[in-house]
Amino acid sequence: MKRDLLTLADVTPEEIEQMLTLAMELKQRYKRGESTPLLSGKSLVLLFSKPSLRTRASFEVGMAQLGGHSSYFQDQEIVLGTREPLKDLGRVLSRYYDGIVIRTFAHASVEELAQVSTIPVINGLTDMFHPCQILAALQTLHEHFGELQGRRLAYVGDGNNVAHSWLLGAAQMGFTLTIACPRAYQPDVTVVRRALRIAETTGAVLDIVEDP
């Protein structure tokens, strides 16, 4: 069954733990000089409407270390959703590649691409969410502090895509998360409600304040 990663609500806490455990294991195996060709013969396409050094580098290097191949296309080359509809783009790329990473503006574009693609679609960033960055942060926290459930985190800044993904990530993993941001820059209400619903099942505590 095809699985997409558009937000951190698309996976379960158990699946997040499995991803983090595997990522840490692969990291240690690479440091020991062991080969990890888990994606041998697989290809990943990167569609970037917004440039990024770290996101591009992490996916390209990751694919290479796992024995796979990646292709990178900037928006000038594809004119996402303009030169050809997203539904056509998703169908064509599904025949060439094994996965898609898309980094763009409107989250609806990622959802549309995922609906028509027959291969997994990963959200490399939208105006609404940035799940991969939070997964990387969760891995770092896990490496330094161990068990994630019950940890207390503070986020100071705009209620933007990163804040939205922190809300979902904290809710999934049972964190206590306090977000401090100005009144005019509060997180999206629908995302907050979604995170609170998840928190009811995991014991997470989510708080949004204006004063750090």
N, C-alpha and C. Protein backbone atom coordinates (compact mmCIF):
# COMPACT_ATOMS: atom_id res chain seq x y z
N MET A 1 0.84 -1.19 0.00
CA MET A 1 0.00 0.00 0.00
C MET A 1 0.88 1.24 0.00
N LYS A 2 0.56 2.20 -0.87
CA LYS A 2 1.34 3.43 -0.95
C LYS A 2 1.14 4.27 0.30
N ARG A 3 2.24 4.77 0.88
CA ARG A 3 2.16 5.66 2.04
C ARG A 3 2.83 6.97 1.70
N ASP A 4 2.15 8.07 2.01
CA ASP A 4 2.70 9.39 1.79
C ASP A 4 3.04 10.02 3.14
N LEU A 5 3.98 10.96 3.14
CA LEU A 5 4.32 11.71 4.35
C LEU A 5 4.10 13.19 4.04
N LEU A 6 2.86 13.62 4.21
CA LEU A 6 2.52 15.02 3.93
C LEU A 6 2.52 15.84 5.20
N THR A 7 2.11 15.23 6.32
CA THR A 7 2.18 15.85 7.64
C THR A 7 2.55 14.75 8.63
N LEU A 8 2.88 15.14 9.84
CA LEU A 8 3.21 14.14 10.85
C LEU A 8 1.97 13.46 11.43
N ALA A 9 0.79 13.87 10.96
CA ALA A 9 -0.43 13.17 11.34
C ALA A 9 -0.72 12.00 10.41
N ASP A 10 0.09 11.86 9.37
CA ASP A 10 -0.12 10.78 8.40
C ASP A 10 0.50 9.45 8.87
N VAL A 11 1.23 9.49 9.97
CA VAL A 11 1.86 8.29 10.52
C VAL A 11 1.50 8.18 11.99
N THR A 12 1.67 6.99 12.54
CA THR A 12 1.36 6.76 13.95
C THR A 12 2.60 7.00 14.81
N PRO A 13 2.42 7.19 16.12
CA PRO A 13 3.59 7.31 17.01
C PRO A 13 4.53 6.11 16.88
N GLU A 14 3.95 4.92 16.74
CA GLU A 14 4.78 3.72 16.60
C GLU A 14 5.61 3.76 15.33
N GLU A 15 5.03 4.26 14.25
CA GLU A 15 5.76 4.35 12.99
C GLU A 15 6.86 5.41 13.08
N ILE A 16 6.60 6.49 13.78
CA ILE A 16 7.64 7.51 13.98
C ILE A 16 8.81 6.91 14.75
N GLU A 17 8.50 6.17 15.81
CA GLU A 17 9.55 5.52 16.60
C GLU A 17 10.35 4.56 15.74
N GLN A 18 9.69 3.81 14.89
CA GLN A 18 10.38 2.87 14.01
C GLN A 18 11.30 3.61 13.04
N MET A 19 10.82 4.72 12.49
CA MET A 19 11.65 5.51 11.58
C MET A 19 12.88 6.06 12.29
N LEU A 20 12.69 6.58 13.50
CA LEU A 20 13.81 7.14 14.24
C LEU A 20 14.82 6.06 14.62
N THR A 21 14.33 4.90 15.04
CA THR A 21 15.22 3.80 15.41
C THR A 21 16.05 3.34 14.21
N LEU A 22 15.38 3.21 13.06
CA LEU A 22 16.09 2.80 11.85
C LEU A 22 17.10 3.86 11.43
N ALA A 23 16.71 5.13 11.49
CA ALA A 23 17.62 6.20 11.10
C ALA A 23 18.87 6.22 11.97
N MET A 24 18.69 6.04 13.27
CA MET A 24 19.85 6.03 14.17
C MET A 24 20.74 4.82 13.93
N GLU A 25 20.11 3.69 13.65
CA GLU A 25 20.89 2.48 13.35
C GLU A 25 21.70 2.65 12.07
N LEU A 26 21.08 3.19 11.02
CA LEU A 26 21.78 3.42 9.76
C LEU A 26 22.91 4.42 9.92
N LYS A 27 22.68 5.43 10.75
CA LYS A 27 23.72 6.44 11.01
C LYS A 27 24.95 5.79 11.65
N GLN A 28 24.73 4.92 12.63
CA GLN A 28 25.84 4.24 13.29
C GLN A 28 26.54 3.27 12.36
N ARG A 29 25.77 2.57 11.53
CA ARG A 29 26.38 1.64 10.57
C ARG A 29 27.25 2.39 9.57
N TYR A 30 26.79 3.55 9.13
CA TYR A 30 27.59 4.36 8.20
C TYR A 30 28.89 4.83 8.85
N LYS A 31 28.80 5.24 10.12
CA LYS A 31 29.99 5.68 10.84
C LYS A 31 31.01 4.55 10.98
N ARG A 32 30.51 3.30 11.07
CA ARG A 32 31.41 2.15 11.19
C ARG A 32 31.94 1.70 9.84
N GLY A 33 31.51 2.37 8.78
CA GLY A 33 31.98 2.02 7.45
C GLY A 33 31.25 0.86 6.83
N GLU A 34 30.09 0.50 7.37
CA GLU A 34 29.33 -0.62 6.84
C GLU A 34 28.45 -0.16 5.67
N SER A 35 28.32 -1.01 4.68
CA SER A 35 27.48 -0.70 3.53
C SER A 35 26.01 -0.88 3.89
N THR A 36 25.16 0.04 3.43
CA THR A 36 23.73 -0.05 3.72
C THR A 36 22.92 0.18 2.43
N PRO A 37 23.03 -0.73 1.47
CA PRO A 37 22.37 -0.55 0.16
C PRO A 37 20.89 -0.93 0.17
N LEU A 38 20.14 -0.38 1.11
CA LEU A 38 18.73 -0.75 1.25
C LEU A 38 17.88 -0.24 0.09
N LEU A 39 18.36 0.79 -0.61
CA LEU A 39 17.59 1.37 -1.72
C LEU A 39 18.31 1.16 -3.06
N SER A 40 19.08 0.09 -3.14
CA SER A 40 19.77 -0.21 -4.38
C SER A 40 18.77 -0.36 -5.53
N GLY A 41 19.03 0.34 -6.62
CA GLY A 41 18.15 0.28 -7.78
C GLY A 41 16.94 1.18 -7.70
N LYS A 42 16.79 1.94 -6.62
CA LYS A 42 15.65 2.83 -6.45
C LYS A 42 16.03 4.27 -6.81
N SER A 43 15.04 5.02 -7.29
CA SER A 43 15.28 6.41 -7.70
C SER A 43 14.27 7.33 -7.03
N LEU A 44 14.75 8.50 -6.62
CA LEU A 44 13.94 9.51 -5.96
C LEU A 44 14.04 10.81 -6.74
N VAL A 45 12.90 11.46 -7.00
CA VAL A 45 12.92 12.73 -7.70
C VAL A 45 12.61 13.85 -6.71
N LEU A 46 13.40 14.93 -6.79
CA LEU A 46 13.23 16.10 -5.94
C LEU A 46 12.66 17.23 -6.78
N LEU A 47 11.46 17.70 -6.45
CA LEU A 47 10.81 18.80 -7.14
C LEU A 47 10.81 20.02 -6.21
N PHE A 48 11.61 21.03 -6.54
CA PHE A 48 11.78 22.16 -5.63
C PHE A 48 11.32 23.47 -6.26
N SER A 49 10.20 24.00 -5.77
CA SER A 49 9.79 25.35 -6.14
C SER A 49 10.52 26.38 -5.28
N LYS A 50 10.97 25.94 -4.09
CA LYS A 50 11.71 26.80 -3.16
C LYS A 50 13.09 26.19 -2.95
N PRO A 51 14.15 26.96 -3.11
CA PRO A 51 15.50 26.39 -2.96
C PRO A 51 15.81 26.05 -1.51
N SER A 52 16.69 25.08 -1.31
CA SER A 52 17.13 24.71 0.02
C SER A 52 18.44 23.95 -0.07
N LEU A 53 19.42 24.37 0.71
CA LEU A 53 20.69 23.65 0.76
C LEU A 53 20.53 22.36 1.54
N ARG A 54 20.00 22.44 2.78
CA ARG A 54 19.98 21.28 3.67
C ARG A 54 19.00 20.20 3.22
N THR A 55 17.81 20.62 2.79
CA THR A 55 16.83 19.62 2.37
C THR A 55 17.32 18.87 1.15
N ARG A 56 17.84 19.59 0.17
CA ARG A 56 18.34 18.92 -1.02
C ARG A 56 19.52 18.02 -0.67
N ALA A 57 20.47 18.55 0.09
CA ALA A 57 21.67 17.76 0.42
C ALA A 57 21.31 16.50 1.20
N SER A 58 20.40 16.62 2.16
CA SER A 58 20.09 15.46 2.99
C SER A 58 19.45 14.34 2.19
N PHE A 59 18.54 14.69 1.27
CA PHE A 59 17.91 13.65 0.47
C PHE A 59 18.88 13.06 -0.56
N GLU A 60 19.69 13.90 -1.20
CA GLU A 60 20.63 13.38 -2.20
C GLU A 60 21.69 12.50 -1.55
N VAL A 61 22.26 12.96 -0.45
CA VAL A 61 23.29 12.17 0.23
C VAL A 61 22.68 10.90 0.81
N GLY A 62 21.48 11.03 1.38
CA GLY A 62 20.82 9.86 1.94
C GLY A 62 20.57 8.78 0.90
N MET A 63 20.08 9.19 -0.27
CA MET A 63 19.85 8.21 -1.33
C MET A 63 21.15 7.56 -1.77
N ALA A 64 22.21 8.35 -1.89
CA ALA A 64 23.51 7.81 -2.31
C ALA A 64 24.04 6.81 -1.28
N GLN A 65 23.93 7.15 0.00
CA GLN A 65 24.43 6.25 1.04
C GLN A 65 23.65 4.95 1.10
N LEU A 66 22.38 5.00 0.71
CA LEU A 66 21.55 3.80 0.74
C LEU A 66 21.55 3.06 -0.59
N GLY A 67 22.40 3.50 -1.52
CA GLY A 67 22.57 2.79 -2.77
C GLY A 67 21.62 3.20 -3.87
N GLY A 68 20.83 4.25 -3.65
CA GLY A 68 19.87 4.69 -4.65
C GLY A 68 20.37 5.87 -5.46
N HIS A 69 19.46 6.45 -6.23
CA HIS A 69 19.79 7.56 -7.12
C HIS A 69 18.73 8.64 -6.96
N SER A 70 19.14 9.91 -7.13
CA SER A 70 18.18 11.01 -7.03
C SER A 70 18.34 11.95 -8.23
N SER A 71 17.22 12.58 -8.61
CA SER A 71 17.21 13.61 -9.64
C SER A 71 16.63 14.88 -9.04
N TYR A 72 17.20 16.03 -9.41
CA TYR A 72 16.77 17.30 -8.83
C TYR A 72 16.26 18.23 -9.93
N PHE A 73 15.05 18.77 -9.72
CA PHE A 73 14.48 19.71 -10.68
C PHE A 73 14.01 20.97 -9.95
N GLN A 74 14.46 22.12 -10.44
CA GLN A 74 13.98 23.39 -9.92
C GLN A 74 12.70 23.80 -10.63
N ASP A 75 12.00 24.75 -10.04
CA ASP A 75 10.71 25.15 -10.60
C ASP A 75 10.84 25.76 -11.99
N GLN A 76 11.99 26.38 -12.29
CA GLN A 76 12.17 26.95 -13.63
C GLN A 76 12.10 25.88 -14.71
N GLU A 77 12.44 24.65 -14.33
CA GLU A 77 12.44 23.55 -15.29
C GLU A 77 11.07 22.88 -15.42
N ILE A 78 10.30 22.90 -14.33
CA ILE A 78 9.04 22.16 -14.35
C ILE A 78 7.83 23.08 -14.30
N VAL A 79 8.00 24.31 -13.76
CA VAL A 79 6.89 25.27 -13.58
C VAL A 79 5.70 24.51 -12.99
N LEU A 80 5.85 24.13 -11.73
CA LEU A 80 4.95 23.21 -11.06
C LEU A 80 3.48 23.60 -11.21
N GLY A 81 2.71 22.70 -11.80
CA GLY A 81 1.29 22.90 -11.94
C GLY A 81 0.88 23.87 -13.04
N THR A 82 1.86 24.41 -13.78
CA THR A 82 1.54 25.40 -14.82
C THR A 82 1.80 24.85 -16.21
N ARG A 83 3.02 24.38 -16.44
CA ARG A 83 3.35 23.84 -17.76
C ARG A 83 2.55 22.59 -18.06
N GLU A 84 2.33 21.79 -17.05
CA GLU A 84 1.44 20.64 -17.17
C GLU A 84 0.76 20.44 -15.81
N PRO A 85 -0.48 19.98 -15.80
CA PRO A 85 -1.22 19.82 -14.55
C PRO A 85 -0.50 18.86 -13.60
N LEU A 86 -0.70 19.07 -12.30
CA LEU A 86 -0.09 18.20 -11.31
C LEU A 86 -0.52 16.75 -11.49
N LYS A 87 -1.76 16.54 -11.93
CA LYS A 87 -2.23 15.16 -12.11
C LYS A 87 -1.43 14.45 -13.19
N ASP A 88 -1.04 15.17 -14.24
CA ASP A 88 -0.22 14.56 -15.29
C ASP A 88 1.21 14.35 -14.80
N LEU A 89 1.72 15.34 -14.07
CA LEU A 89 3.09 15.24 -13.55
C LEU A 89 3.22 14.04 -12.63
N GLY A 90 2.25 13.86 -11.73
CA GLY A 90 2.30 12.74 -10.80
C GLY A 90 2.26 11.40 -11.50
N ARG A 91 1.42 11.28 -12.53
CA ARG A 91 1.30 10.01 -13.26
C ARG A 91 2.58 9.69 -14.03
N VAL A 92 3.18 10.70 -14.66
CA VAL A 92 4.40 10.48 -15.42
C VAL A 92 5.56 10.11 -14.51
N LEU A 93 5.75 10.89 -13.45
CA LEU A 93 6.86 10.62 -12.55
C LEU A 93 6.72 9.27 -11.86
N SER A 94 5.49 8.83 -11.65
CA SER A 94 5.27 7.53 -11.02
C SER A 94 5.78 6.38 -11.88
N ARG A 95 5.92 6.63 -13.17
CA ARG A 95 6.41 5.59 -14.07
C ARG A 95 7.94 5.57 -14.14
N TYR A 96 8.56 6.68 -13.76
CA TYR A 96 10.02 6.77 -13.82
C TYR A 96 10.68 6.49 -12.47
N TYR A 97 10.05 6.94 -11.40
CA TYR A 97 10.70 6.96 -10.09
C TYR A 97 9.99 6.08 -9.06
N ASP A 98 10.67 5.90 -7.92
CA ASP A 98 10.11 5.13 -6.83
C ASP A 98 9.58 6.01 -5.70
N GLY A 99 9.87 7.30 -5.75
CA GLY A 99 9.39 8.23 -4.72
C GLY A 99 9.57 9.67 -5.18
N ILE A 100 8.78 10.56 -4.59
CA ILE A 100 8.82 11.99 -4.93
C ILE A 100 8.99 12.79 -3.64
N VAL A 101 9.91 13.74 -3.66
CA VAL A 101 10.00 14.75 -2.61
C VAL A 101 9.64 16.09 -3.25
N ILE A 102 8.68 16.78 -2.68
CA ILE A 102 8.26 18.06 -3.24
C ILE A 102 8.40 19.15 -2.18
N ARG A 103 8.99 20.25 -2.60
CA ARG A 103 9.20 21.41 -1.73
C ARG A 103 8.60 22.61 -2.45
N THR A 104 7.46 23.08 -1.95
CA THR A 104 6.73 24.10 -2.68
C THR A 104 6.00 25.03 -1.72
N PHE A 105 5.06 25.79 -2.23
CA PHE A 105 4.35 26.79 -1.43
C PHE A 105 3.03 26.23 -0.89
N ALA A 106 2.05 26.07 -1.75
CA ALA A 106 0.71 25.66 -1.32
C ALA A 106 0.68 24.19 -0.90
N HIS A 107 0.16 23.92 0.29
CA HIS A 107 0.07 22.53 0.74
C HIS A 107 -0.91 21.74 -0.12
N ALA A 108 -1.89 22.43 -0.67
CA ALA A 108 -2.87 21.75 -1.53
C ALA A 108 -2.21 21.13 -2.75
N SER A 109 -1.11 21.72 -3.23
CA SER A 109 -0.40 21.16 -4.37
C SER A 109 0.21 19.81 -4.03
N VAL A 110 0.73 19.70 -2.83
CA VAL A 110 1.32 18.43 -2.38
C VAL A 110 0.23 17.38 -2.24
N GLU A 111 -0.90 17.76 -1.69
CA GLU A 111 -2.01 16.83 -1.54
C GLU A 111 -2.51 16.35 -2.90
N GLU A 112 -2.61 17.26 -3.85
CA GLU A 112 -3.07 16.90 -5.19
C GLU A 112 -2.09 15.94 -5.85
N LEU A 113 -0.79 16.23 -5.72
CA LEU A 113 0.22 15.36 -6.30
C LEU A 113 0.16 13.96 -5.68
N ALA A 114 -0.04 13.90 -4.38
CA ALA A 114 -0.09 12.61 -3.69
C ALA A 114 -1.31 11.80 -4.13
N GLN A 115 -2.42 12.47 -4.40
CA GLN A 115 -3.64 11.77 -4.80
C GLN A 115 -3.49 11.04 -6.13
N VAL A 116 -2.73 11.63 -7.05
CA VAL A 116 -2.64 11.04 -8.38
C VAL A 116 -1.39 10.17 -8.57
N SER A 117 -0.43 10.29 -7.68
CA SER A 117 0.81 9.51 -7.80
C SER A 117 0.60 8.10 -7.28
N THR A 118 1.25 7.15 -7.90
CA THR A 118 1.18 5.77 -7.44
C THR A 118 2.42 5.39 -6.64
N ILE A 119 3.30 6.35 -6.40
CA ILE A 119 4.50 6.16 -5.58
C ILE A 119 4.42 7.10 -4.38
N PRO A 120 5.18 6.82 -3.31
CA PRO A 120 5.12 7.67 -2.12
C PRO A 120 5.53 9.11 -2.42
N VAL A 121 4.84 10.05 -1.79
CA VAL A 121 5.15 11.47 -1.90
C VAL A 121 5.54 11.98 -0.52
N ILE A 122 6.68 12.66 -0.44
CA ILE A 122 7.20 13.21 0.81
C ILE A 122 7.17 14.73 0.73
N ASN A 123 6.61 15.35 1.75
CA ASN A 123 6.55 16.80 1.83
C ASN A 123 7.90 17.34 2.32
N GLY A 124 8.65 17.97 1.39
CA GLY A 124 9.93 18.57 1.76
C GLY A 124 9.78 19.97 2.33
N LEU A 125 8.59 20.53 2.29
CA LEU A 125 8.21 21.81 2.89
C LEU A 125 7.06 22.39 2.09
N THR A 126 6.06 22.90 2.83
CA THR A 126 5.03 23.74 2.24
C THR A 126 4.83 24.92 3.17
N ASP A 127 3.97 25.84 2.77
CA ASP A 127 3.69 26.98 3.64
C ASP A 127 3.00 26.55 4.93
N MET A 128 2.44 25.33 4.94
CA MET A 128 1.68 24.87 6.10
C MET A 128 2.45 23.91 7.00
N PHE A 129 3.32 23.06 6.41
CA PHE A 129 3.99 22.03 7.19
C PHE A 129 5.45 21.82 6.74
N HIS A 130 6.26 21.30 7.68
CA HIS A 130 7.65 20.94 7.39
C HIS A 130 7.99 19.67 8.18
N PRO A 131 7.37 18.54 7.84
CA PRO A 131 7.51 17.33 8.67
C PRO A 131 8.91 16.75 8.75
N CYS A 132 9.68 16.82 7.66
CA CYS A 132 11.01 16.21 7.67
C CYS A 132 11.95 16.91 8.64
N GLN A 133 11.81 18.23 8.75
CA GLN A 133 12.67 18.96 9.69
C GLN A 133 12.38 18.52 11.13
N ILE A 134 11.11 18.30 11.44
CA ILE A 134 10.77 17.90 12.80
C ILE A 134 11.19 16.45 13.06
N LEU A 135 11.10 15.59 12.06
CA LEU A 135 11.61 14.23 12.24
C LEU A 135 13.10 14.24 12.54
N ALA A 136 13.84 15.11 11.85
CA ALA A 136 15.28 15.23 12.12
C ALA A 136 15.53 15.74 13.54
N ALA A 137 14.70 16.70 13.97
CA ALA A 137 14.84 17.23 15.33
C ALA A 137 14.50 16.16 16.37
N LEU A 138 13.47 15.36 16.09
CA LEU A 138 13.11 14.27 17.01
C LEU A 138 14.24 13.25 17.11
N GLN A 139 14.90 12.98 15.98
CA GLN A 139 16.03 12.05 16.02
C GLN A 139 17.15 12.60 16.89
N THR A 140 17.43 13.89 16.75
CA THR A 140 18.47 14.51 17.57
C THR A 140 18.12 14.45 19.06
N LEU A 141 16.88 14.74 19.39
CA LEU A 141 16.44 14.65 20.78
C LEU A 141 16.58 13.22 21.30
N HIS A 142 16.20 12.26 20.48
CA HIS A 142 16.28 10.85 20.86
C HIS A 142 17.74 10.46 21.12
N GLU A 143 18.64 10.92 20.26
CA GLU A 143 20.06 10.57 20.41
C GLU A 143 20.65 11.16 21.69
N HIS A 144 20.19 12.34 22.08
CA HIS A 144 20.77 13.02 23.25
C HIS A 144 20.06 12.70 24.56
N PHE A 145 18.75 12.43 24.49
CA PHE A 145 17.98 12.28 25.73
C PHE A 145 17.27 10.95 25.87
N GLY A 146 17.29 10.12 24.83
CA GLY A 146 16.62 8.83 24.93
C GLY A 146 15.12 8.95 24.73
N GLU A 147 14.36 8.34 25.62
CA GLU A 147 12.90 8.30 25.52
C GLU A 147 12.32 9.70 25.27
N LEU A 148 11.41 9.77 24.29
CA LEU A 148 10.84 11.07 23.92
C LEU A 148 9.61 11.44 24.73
N GLN A 149 8.78 10.45 25.06
CA GLN A 149 7.53 10.75 25.75
C GLN A 149 7.79 11.43 27.09
N GLY A 150 7.05 12.50 27.35
CA GLY A 150 7.19 13.22 28.61
C GLY A 150 8.20 14.36 28.58
N ARG A 151 8.92 14.53 27.48
CA ARG A 151 9.87 15.64 27.38
C ARG A 151 9.14 16.97 27.30
N ARG A 152 9.82 18.03 27.73
CA ARG A 152 9.24 19.37 27.71
C ARG A 152 10.04 20.22 26.72
N LEU A 153 9.34 20.82 25.78
CA LEU A 153 10.00 21.66 24.78
C LEU A 153 9.32 23.02 24.72
N ALA A 154 10.11 24.02 24.35
CA ALA A 154 9.58 25.37 24.12
C ALA A 154 9.96 25.81 22.72
N TYR A 155 9.00 26.40 22.04
CA TYR A 155 9.22 26.95 20.70
C TYR A 155 8.87 28.43 20.75
N VAL A 156 9.82 29.27 20.33
CA VAL A 156 9.61 30.71 20.32
C VAL A 156 9.74 31.19 18.88
N GLY A 157 8.68 31.79 18.34
CA GLY A 157 8.74 32.26 16.96
C GLY A 157 7.35 32.32 16.34
N ASP A 158 7.32 32.52 15.03
CA ASP A 158 6.05 32.59 14.32
C ASP A 158 5.31 31.25 14.36
N GLY A 159 3.99 31.34 14.30
CA GLY A 159 3.19 30.12 14.20
C GLY A 159 3.13 29.64 12.77
N ASN A 160 4.28 29.26 12.23
CA ASN A 160 4.42 28.95 10.80
C ASN A 160 4.42 27.45 10.54
N ASN A 161 4.97 27.06 9.37
CA ASN A 161 4.99 25.64 9.01
C ASN A 161 5.78 24.79 10.01
N VAL A 162 6.87 25.33 10.53
CA VAL A 162 7.67 24.59 11.51
C VAL A 162 6.88 24.43 12.81
N ALA A 163 6.23 25.49 13.25
CA ALA A 163 5.42 25.41 14.46
C ALA A 163 4.29 24.40 14.29
N HIS A 164 3.67 24.39 13.12
CA HIS A 164 2.58 23.44 12.86
C HIS A 164 3.08 22.00 12.96
N SER A 165 4.25 21.74 12.39
CA SER A 165 4.78 20.37 12.44
C SER A 165 5.25 20.01 13.85
N TRP A 166 5.72 21.00 14.60
CA TRP A 166 6.07 20.73 16.01
C TRP A 166 4.83 20.36 16.80
N LEU A 167 3.73 21.05 16.54
CA LEU A 167 2.49 20.73 17.25
C LEU A 167 2.08 19.28 17.00
N LEU A 168 2.10 18.87 15.74
CA LEU A 168 1.72 17.50 15.40
C LEU A 168 2.73 16.49 15.94
N GLY A 169 4.03 16.82 15.81
CA GLY A 169 5.06 15.91 16.29
C GLY A 169 5.01 15.73 17.80
N ALA A 170 4.84 16.83 18.52
CA ALA A 170 4.75 16.76 19.98
C ALA A 170 3.51 15.99 20.41
N ALA A 171 2.40 16.24 19.70
CA ALA A 171 1.17 15.52 20.02
C ALA A 171 1.35 14.02 19.81
N GLN A 172 1.97 13.63 18.72
CA GLN A 172 2.18 12.22 18.41
C GLN A 172 3.08 11.53 19.44
N MET A 173 4.13 12.24 19.89
CA MET A 173 5.14 11.61 20.72
C MET A 173 4.93 11.85 22.21
N GLY A 174 3.82 12.53 22.58
CA GLY A 174 3.52 12.68 24.00
C GLY A 174 4.35 13.73 24.71
N PHE A 175 4.76 14.78 24.01
CA PHE A 175 5.54 15.86 24.61
C PHE A 175 4.65 16.81 25.40
N THR A 176 5.30 17.64 26.22
CA THR A 176 4.72 18.89 26.68
C THR A 176 5.38 19.98 25.85
N LEU A 177 4.61 20.68 25.05
CA LEU A 177 5.14 21.70 24.14
C LEU A 177 4.47 23.03 24.41
N THR A 178 5.29 24.05 24.62
CA THR A 178 4.79 25.42 24.74
C THR A 178 5.28 26.22 23.55
N ILE A 179 4.35 26.81 22.84
CA ILE A 179 4.68 27.68 21.71
C ILE A 179 4.41 29.12 22.11
N ALA A 180 5.42 29.97 22.00
CA ALA A 180 5.29 31.39 22.31
C ALA A 180 5.42 32.19 21.02
N CYS A 181 4.37 32.90 20.63
CA CYS A 181 4.42 33.70 19.42
C CYS A 181 3.45 34.88 19.55
N PRO A 182 3.72 35.99 18.84
CA PRO A 182 2.85 37.16 18.92
C PRO A 182 1.42 36.83 18.50
N ARG A 183 0.49 37.61 19.00
CA ARG A 183 -0.93 37.37 18.73
C ARG A 183 -1.24 37.34 17.24
N ALA A 184 -0.59 38.18 16.48
CA ALA A 184 -0.87 38.26 15.04
C ALA A 184 -0.24 37.12 14.24
N TYR A 185 0.55 36.29 14.89
CA TYR A 185 1.26 35.22 14.20
C TYR A 185 1.00 33.86 14.84
N GLN A 186 -0.20 33.67 15.34
CA GLN A 186 -0.58 32.41 15.99
C GLN A 186 -0.65 31.27 14.97
N PRO A 187 -0.44 30.03 15.41
CA PRO A 187 -0.58 28.89 14.50
C PRO A 187 -2.00 28.78 13.96
N ASP A 188 -2.15 28.10 12.84
CA ASP A 188 -3.44 27.90 12.21
C ASP A 188 -4.37 27.12 13.15
N VAL A 189 -5.58 27.61 13.30
CA VAL A 189 -6.53 27.03 14.25
C VAL A 189 -6.85 25.57 13.92
N THR A 190 -6.98 25.26 12.64
CA THR A 190 -7.31 23.88 12.26
C THR A 190 -6.19 22.91 12.63
N VAL A 191 -4.93 23.37 12.50
CA VAL A 191 -3.80 22.53 12.88
C VAL A 191 -3.77 22.33 14.39
N VAL A 192 -4.03 23.39 15.13
CA VAL A 192 -4.05 23.29 16.59
C VAL A 192 -5.12 22.29 17.03
N ARG A 193 -6.30 22.38 16.46
CA ARG A 193 -7.38 21.45 16.82
C ARG A 193 -7.01 20.01 16.50
N ARG A 194 -6.37 19.82 15.35
CA ARG A 194 -5.95 18.47 14.95
C ARG A 194 -4.92 17.92 15.94
N ALA A 195 -3.97 18.76 16.33
CA ALA A 195 -2.94 18.34 17.28
C ALA A 195 -3.55 18.03 18.64
N LEU A 196 -4.51 18.82 19.07
CA LEU A 196 -5.15 18.59 20.37
C LEU A 196 -5.92 17.28 20.38
N ARG A 197 -6.53 16.93 19.25
CA ARG A 197 -7.25 15.65 19.17
C ARG A 197 -6.28 14.49 19.32
N ILE A 198 -5.11 14.61 18.68
CA ILE A 198 -4.10 13.56 18.81
C ILE A 198 -3.58 13.50 20.24
N ALA A 199 -3.37 14.68 20.83
CA ALA A 199 -2.83 14.75 22.19
C ALA A 199 -3.72 14.05 23.20
N GLU A 200 -5.02 14.04 22.95
CA GLU A 200 -5.94 13.35 23.85
C GLU A 200 -5.66 11.85 23.93
N THR A 201 -5.06 11.30 22.88
CA THR A 201 -4.79 9.86 22.85
C THR A 201 -3.38 9.51 23.31
N THR A 202 -2.49 10.51 23.38
CA THR A 202 -1.09 10.23 23.71
C THR A 202 -0.65 10.83 25.04
N GLY A 203 -1.47 11.71 25.62
CA GLY A 203 -1.09 12.36 26.87
C GLY A 203 -0.24 13.60 26.69
N ALA A 204 -0.06 14.05 25.46
CA ALA A 204 0.72 15.27 25.22
C ALA A 204 0.00 16.49 25.78
N VAL A 205 0.79 17.49 26.15
CA VAL A 205 0.25 18.75 26.65
C VAL A 205 0.73 19.86 25.73
N LEU A 206 -0.20 20.56 25.10
CA LEU A 206 0.13 21.61 24.14
C LEU A 206 -0.38 22.94 24.66
N ASP A 207 0.49 23.95 24.65
CA ASP A 207 0.11 25.26 25.18
C ASP A 207 0.64 26.34 24.24
N ILE A 208 -0.18 27.34 23.94
CA ILE A 208 0.22 28.44 23.07
C ILE A 208 0.07 29.74 23.86
N VAL A 209 1.16 30.49 23.96
CA VAL A 209 1.18 31.73 24.74
C VAL A 209 1.77 32.86 23.90
N GLU A 210 1.63 34.10 24.37
CA GLU A 210 2.20 35.24 23.67
C GLU A 210 3.50 35.71 24.30
N ASP A 211 3.69 35.44 25.57
CA ASP A 211 4.87 35.91 26.31
C ASP A 211 5.84 34.76 26.56
N PRO A 212 7.03 34.79 25.96
CA PRO A 212 7.99 33.70 26.19
C PRO A 212 8.36 33.53 27.65
